Amino acid sequence: MKTLRPLERPGAHARGYNAHSIGICYEGGLNHYGMPEDTRTEWQRHSLRVLVRTLLLDYPDAQVAGHRDLSPDLNGNGEVEPMEWTKQCPCFEVKKEKW
């Protein structure tokens, strides 16, 4: 893991959310055809889980979301569906992870 920007400094990762969020990146997310896919290794899964759990200790009210979860609900049904995603990343279901 590598820190690229201090936590107290706004990022440039999710328009409209940068001032009050923490951006986490991982290498991967595309299969060998260049298509979106969950390509995380077990070590990446473990490291991401440890990082998120650690951050949640300092920010217990935080919500964990991926870029695609922040897409607008275009049809107004209360759920952001795949056809509404502005980005595919992080190429896995963030809400289903056991943080």
N, C-alpha and C. Protein backbone atom coordinates (compact mmCIF):
# COMPACT_ATOMS: atom_id res chain seq x y z
N MET A 1 0.84 -1.18 0.00
CA MET A 1 0.00 0.00 0.00
C MET A 1 0.89 1.24 0.00
N LYS A 2 0.35 2.28 -0.61
CA LYS A 2 1.10 3.52 -0.73
C LYS A 2 0.14 4.70 -0.58
N THR A 3 0.51 5.65 0.27
CA THR A 3 -0.29 6.86 0.44
C THR A 3 0.13 7.86 -0.62
N LEU A 4 -0.82 8.32 -1.41
CA LEU A 4 -0.52 9.28 -2.47
C LEU A 4 -0.92 10.70 -2.12
N ARG A 5 -1.84 10.86 -1.19
CA ARG A 5 -2.32 12.18 -0.81
C ARG A 5 -2.71 12.13 0.67
N PRO A 6 -2.33 13.14 1.46
CA PRO A 6 -2.72 13.14 2.88
C PRO A 6 -4.25 13.10 3.03
N LEU A 7 -4.74 12.41 4.04
CA LEU A 7 -6.18 12.27 4.25
C LEU A 7 -6.90 13.60 4.40
N GLU A 8 -6.22 14.59 4.98
CA GLU A 8 -6.87 15.88 5.20
C GLU A 8 -6.95 16.74 3.94
N ARG A 9 -6.35 16.29 2.86
CA ARG A 9 -6.36 17.04 1.60
C ARG A 9 -7.40 16.45 0.65
N PRO A 10 -8.31 17.26 0.12
CA PRO A 10 -9.33 16.73 -0.81
C PRO A 10 -8.70 16.05 -2.02
N GLY A 11 -9.32 14.97 -2.44
CA GLY A 11 -8.83 14.23 -3.59
C GLY A 11 -9.45 14.70 -4.89
N ALA A 12 -9.21 13.94 -5.92
CA ALA A 12 -9.77 14.22 -7.25
C ALA A 12 -10.22 12.89 -7.85
N HIS A 13 -11.10 12.21 -7.13
CA HIS A 13 -11.48 10.86 -7.53
C HIS A 13 -12.96 10.69 -7.84
N ALA A 14 -13.82 11.51 -7.24
CA ALA A 14 -15.26 11.35 -7.47
C ALA A 14 -15.94 12.71 -7.40
N ARG A 15 -16.21 13.27 -8.56
CA ARG A 15 -16.80 14.62 -8.64
C ARG A 15 -18.03 14.73 -7.73
N GLY A 16 -18.05 15.81 -6.97
CA GLY A 16 -19.16 16.05 -6.05
C GLY A 16 -18.96 15.42 -4.68
N TYR A 17 -17.97 14.57 -4.53
CA TYR A 17 -17.72 13.87 -3.27
C TYR A 17 -16.31 14.11 -2.74
N ASN A 18 -15.45 14.73 -3.53
CA ASN A 18 -14.03 14.86 -3.17
C ASN A 18 -13.78 15.55 -1.84
N ALA A 19 -14.54 16.58 -1.52
CA ALA A 19 -14.29 17.36 -0.31
C ALA A 19 -14.57 16.59 0.98
N HIS A 20 -15.36 15.53 0.89
CA HIS A 20 -15.73 14.79 2.10
C HIS A 20 -15.62 13.27 1.91
N SER A 21 -14.56 12.86 1.21
CA SER A 21 -14.37 11.43 1.00
C SER A 21 -12.89 11.09 0.95
N ILE A 22 -12.60 9.81 1.02
CA ILE A 22 -11.24 9.30 0.90
C ILE A 22 -11.22 8.36 -0.29
N GLY A 23 -10.34 8.61 -1.24
CA GLY A 23 -10.24 7.75 -2.42
C GLY A 23 -9.23 6.63 -2.18
N ILE A 24 -9.65 5.41 -2.49
CA ILE A 24 -8.77 4.24 -2.39
C ILE A 24 -8.69 3.61 -3.77
N CYS A 25 -7.49 3.34 -4.22
CA CYS A 25 -7.30 2.73 -5.54
C CYS A 25 -6.62 1.37 -5.38
N TYR A 26 -6.89 0.49 -6.32
CA TYR A 26 -6.14 -0.77 -6.39
C TYR A 26 -5.81 -1.01 -7.86
N GLU A 27 -4.74 -1.75 -8.08
CA GLU A 27 -4.34 -2.04 -9.45
C GLU A 27 -5.13 -3.24 -9.94
N GLY A 28 -5.77 -3.09 -11.08
CA GLY A 28 -6.56 -4.19 -11.64
C GLY A 28 -7.93 -3.70 -12.05
N GLY A 29 -8.85 -4.65 -12.18
CA GLY A 29 -10.22 -4.31 -12.54
C GLY A 29 -10.56 -4.59 -13.99
N LEU A 30 -9.58 -5.03 -14.77
CA LEU A 30 -9.83 -5.40 -16.17
C LEU A 30 -9.25 -6.78 -16.43
N ASN A 31 -9.99 -7.60 -17.17
CA ASN A 31 -9.47 -8.92 -17.51
C ASN A 31 -8.49 -8.82 -18.68
N HIS A 32 -8.00 -9.94 -19.16
CA HIS A 32 -6.99 -9.91 -20.23
C HIS A 32 -7.55 -9.44 -21.57
N TYR A 33 -8.86 -9.27 -21.67
CA TYR A 33 -9.48 -8.70 -22.87
C TYR A 33 -9.73 -7.20 -22.71
N GLY A 34 -9.37 -6.66 -21.54
CA GLY A 34 -9.60 -5.24 -21.28
C GLY A 34 -11.01 -4.92 -20.84
N MET A 35 -11.76 -5.95 -20.44
CA MET A 35 -13.14 -5.77 -20.00
C MET A 35 -13.20 -5.72 -18.47
N PRO A 36 -14.14 -4.94 -17.91
CA PRO A 36 -14.27 -4.84 -16.45
C PRO A 36 -14.52 -6.20 -15.81
N GLU A 37 -13.75 -6.48 -14.76
CA GLU A 37 -13.88 -7.75 -14.04
C GLU A 37 -13.18 -7.62 -12.70
N ASP A 38 -13.67 -8.32 -11.70
CA ASP A 38 -13.01 -8.33 -10.40
C ASP A 38 -11.75 -9.20 -10.51
N THR A 39 -10.61 -8.56 -10.61
CA THR A 39 -9.34 -9.26 -10.79
C THR A 39 -8.48 -9.22 -9.53
N ARG A 40 -9.05 -8.81 -8.41
CA ARG A 40 -8.25 -8.70 -7.18
C ARG A 40 -7.69 -10.06 -6.76
N THR A 41 -6.44 -10.02 -6.32
CA THR A 41 -5.83 -11.22 -5.75
C THR A 41 -6.29 -11.34 -4.30
N GLU A 42 -6.04 -12.49 -3.69
CA GLU A 42 -6.39 -12.66 -2.27
C GLU A 42 -5.65 -11.64 -1.42
N TRP A 43 -4.39 -11.35 -1.77
CA TRP A 43 -3.62 -10.36 -1.01
C TRP A 43 -4.25 -8.97 -1.17
N GLN A 44 -4.69 -8.62 -2.35
CA GLN A 44 -5.35 -7.33 -2.55
C GLN A 44 -6.65 -7.26 -1.74
N ARG A 45 -7.41 -8.33 -1.75
CA ARG A 45 -8.67 -8.37 -0.98
C ARG A 45 -8.38 -8.16 0.50
N HIS A 46 -7.39 -8.88 1.00
CA HIS A 46 -7.02 -8.78 2.40
C HIS A 46 -6.54 -7.36 2.74
N SER A 47 -5.65 -6.82 1.94
CA SER A 47 -5.09 -5.49 2.19
C SER A 47 -6.18 -4.42 2.15
N LEU A 48 -7.07 -4.52 1.19
CA LEU A 48 -8.17 -3.56 1.08
C LEU A 48 -9.08 -3.65 2.30
N ARG A 49 -9.38 -4.87 2.74
CA ARG A 49 -10.23 -5.07 3.91
C ARG A 49 -9.58 -4.46 5.16
N VAL A 50 -8.28 -4.69 5.35
CA VAL A 50 -7.57 -4.13 6.51
C VAL A 50 -7.59 -2.61 6.45
N LEU A 51 -7.33 -2.04 5.28
CA LEU A 51 -7.31 -0.58 5.13
C LEU A 51 -8.68 0.01 5.43
N VAL A 52 -9.73 -0.54 4.85
CA VAL A 52 -11.08 0.00 5.06
C VAL A 52 -11.48 -0.14 6.53
N ARG A 53 -11.21 -1.29 7.13
CA ARG A 53 -11.56 -1.47 8.55
C ARG A 53 -10.83 -0.46 9.43
N THR A 54 -9.56 -0.21 9.12
CA THR A 54 -8.77 0.76 9.88
C THR A 54 -9.36 2.16 9.73
N LEU A 55 -9.71 2.54 8.51
CA LEU A 55 -10.31 3.86 8.28
C LEU A 55 -11.67 3.98 8.98
N LEU A 56 -12.43 2.90 9.01
CA LEU A 56 -13.73 2.94 9.68
C LEU A 56 -13.62 3.12 11.19
N LEU A 57 -12.47 2.76 11.76
CA LEU A 57 -12.25 3.03 13.18
C LEU A 57 -12.16 4.53 13.43
N ASP A 58 -11.51 5.25 12.51
CA ASP A 58 -11.38 6.70 12.63
C ASP A 58 -12.60 7.45 12.11
N TYR A 59 -13.33 6.84 11.19
CA TYR A 59 -14.51 7.47 10.57
C TYR A 59 -15.69 6.49 10.67
N PRO A 60 -16.19 6.24 11.89
CA PRO A 60 -17.21 5.20 12.08
C PRO A 60 -18.54 5.45 11.36
N ASP A 61 -18.84 6.68 11.00
CA ASP A 61 -20.09 6.98 10.30
C ASP A 61 -19.94 6.97 8.79
N ALA A 62 -18.75 6.64 8.32
CA ALA A 62 -18.49 6.67 6.87
C ALA A 62 -19.26 5.57 6.14
N GLN A 63 -19.61 5.85 4.91
CA GLN A 63 -20.21 4.86 4.03
C GLN A 63 -19.15 4.46 3.01
N VAL A 64 -19.02 3.17 2.76
CA VAL A 64 -18.04 2.67 1.80
C VAL A 64 -18.76 2.47 0.47
N ALA A 65 -18.24 3.08 -0.59
CA ALA A 65 -18.89 3.02 -1.91
C ALA A 65 -17.85 3.02 -3.01
N GLY A 66 -18.22 2.46 -4.14
CA GLY A 66 -17.37 2.52 -5.33
C GLY A 66 -17.84 3.64 -6.24
N HIS A 67 -17.03 3.95 -7.24
CA HIS A 67 -17.41 5.00 -8.20
C HIS A 67 -18.81 4.75 -8.76
N ARG A 68 -19.05 3.52 -9.18
CA ARG A 68 -20.34 3.23 -9.83
C ARG A 68 -21.51 3.43 -8.88
N ASP A 69 -21.28 3.26 -7.57
CA ASP A 69 -22.35 3.47 -6.59
C ASP A 69 -22.72 4.94 -6.46
N LEU A 70 -21.85 5.83 -6.91
CA LEU A 70 -22.09 7.27 -6.82
C LEU A 70 -22.71 7.83 -8.10
N SER A 71 -23.01 6.97 -9.05
CA SER A 71 -23.65 7.39 -10.29
C SER A 71 -25.07 7.88 -10.01
N PRO A 72 -25.60 8.75 -10.86
CA PRO A 72 -26.97 9.24 -10.63
C PRO A 72 -28.01 8.15 -10.91
N ASP A 73 -29.07 8.18 -10.14
CA ASP A 73 -30.21 7.27 -10.33
C ASP A 73 -31.08 7.87 -11.42
N LEU A 74 -30.79 7.56 -12.66
CA LEU A 74 -31.43 8.20 -13.81
C LEU A 74 -32.93 7.94 -13.91
N ASN A 75 -33.37 6.74 -13.54
CA ASN A 75 -34.80 6.44 -13.67
C ASN A 75 -35.57 6.69 -12.38
N GLY A 76 -34.88 7.15 -11.33
CA GLY A 76 -35.54 7.54 -10.09
C GLY A 76 -36.18 6.42 -9.29
N ASN A 77 -35.72 5.19 -9.49
CA ASN A 77 -36.32 4.07 -8.76
C ASN A 77 -35.65 3.79 -7.41
N GLY A 78 -34.69 4.64 -7.02
CA GLY A 78 -34.02 4.48 -5.73
C GLY A 78 -32.84 3.54 -5.74
N GLU A 79 -32.50 3.01 -6.91
CA GLU A 79 -31.37 2.09 -7.03
C GLU A 79 -30.54 2.46 -8.25
N VAL A 80 -29.22 2.53 -8.07
CA VAL A 80 -28.33 2.79 -9.20
C VAL A 80 -28.03 1.44 -9.85
N GLU A 81 -28.54 1.25 -11.05
CA GLU A 81 -28.43 -0.03 -11.75
C GLU A 81 -27.30 0.02 -12.77
N PRO A 82 -26.80 -1.15 -13.22
CA PRO A 82 -25.68 -1.19 -14.16
C PRO A 82 -25.83 -0.28 -15.37
N MET A 83 -27.03 -0.14 -15.91
CA MET A 83 -27.21 0.70 -17.10
C MET A 83 -27.03 2.19 -16.76
N GLU A 84 -27.03 2.54 -15.47
CA GLU A 84 -26.89 3.92 -15.03
C GLU A 84 -25.47 4.27 -14.58
N TRP A 85 -24.60 3.27 -14.46
CA TRP A 85 -23.24 3.52 -14.00
C TRP A 85 -22.50 4.43 -14.96
N THR A 86 -21.85 5.46 -14.41
CA THR A 86 -21.01 6.33 -15.23
C THR A 86 -19.61 5.74 -15.35
N LYS A 87 -19.26 4.86 -14.42
CA LYS A 87 -17.99 4.12 -14.44
C LYS A 87 -18.28 2.70 -13.97
N GLN A 88 -17.50 1.75 -14.45
CA GLN A 88 -17.65 0.35 -14.03
C GLN A 88 -16.94 0.08 -12.70
N CYS A 89 -15.89 0.88 -12.44
CA CYS A 89 -15.06 0.60 -11.27
C CYS A 89 -15.83 0.77 -9.96
N PRO A 90 -15.48 -0.03 -9.02
CA PRO A 90 -14.27 -0.82 -8.86
C PRO A 90 -14.37 -2.25 -9.39
N CYS A 91 -15.38 -2.57 -10.15
CA CYS A 91 -15.54 -3.89 -10.78
C CYS A 91 -15.82 -5.00 -9.78
N PHE A 92 -16.35 -4.62 -8.62
CA PHE A 92 -16.87 -5.59 -7.65
C PHE A 92 -17.94 -4.88 -6.83
N GLU A 93 -18.78 -5.66 -6.17
CA GLU A 93 -19.90 -5.12 -5.39
C GLU A 93 -19.41 -4.66 -4.02
N VAL A 94 -19.11 -3.39 -3.89
CA VAL A 94 -18.59 -2.82 -2.64
C VAL A 94 -19.53 -3.10 -1.48
N LYS A 95 -20.82 -2.95 -1.69
CA LYS A 95 -21.80 -3.12 -0.61
C LYS A 95 -21.88 -4.56 -0.11
N LYS A 96 -21.44 -5.53 -0.91
CA LYS A 96 -21.49 -6.93 -0.50
C LYS A 96 -20.22 -7.38 0.23
N GLU A 97 -19.20 -6.52 0.24
CA GLU A 97 -17.95 -6.87 0.92
C GLU A 97 -18.15 -6.87 2.43
N LYS A 98 -17.41 -7.69 3.13
CA LYS A 98 -17.48 -7.76 4.60
C LYS A 98 -16.36 -6.91 5.17
N TRP A 99 -16.60 -5.62 5.26
CA TRP A 99 -15.58 -4.72 5.76
C TRP A 99 -15.43 -4.91 7.25
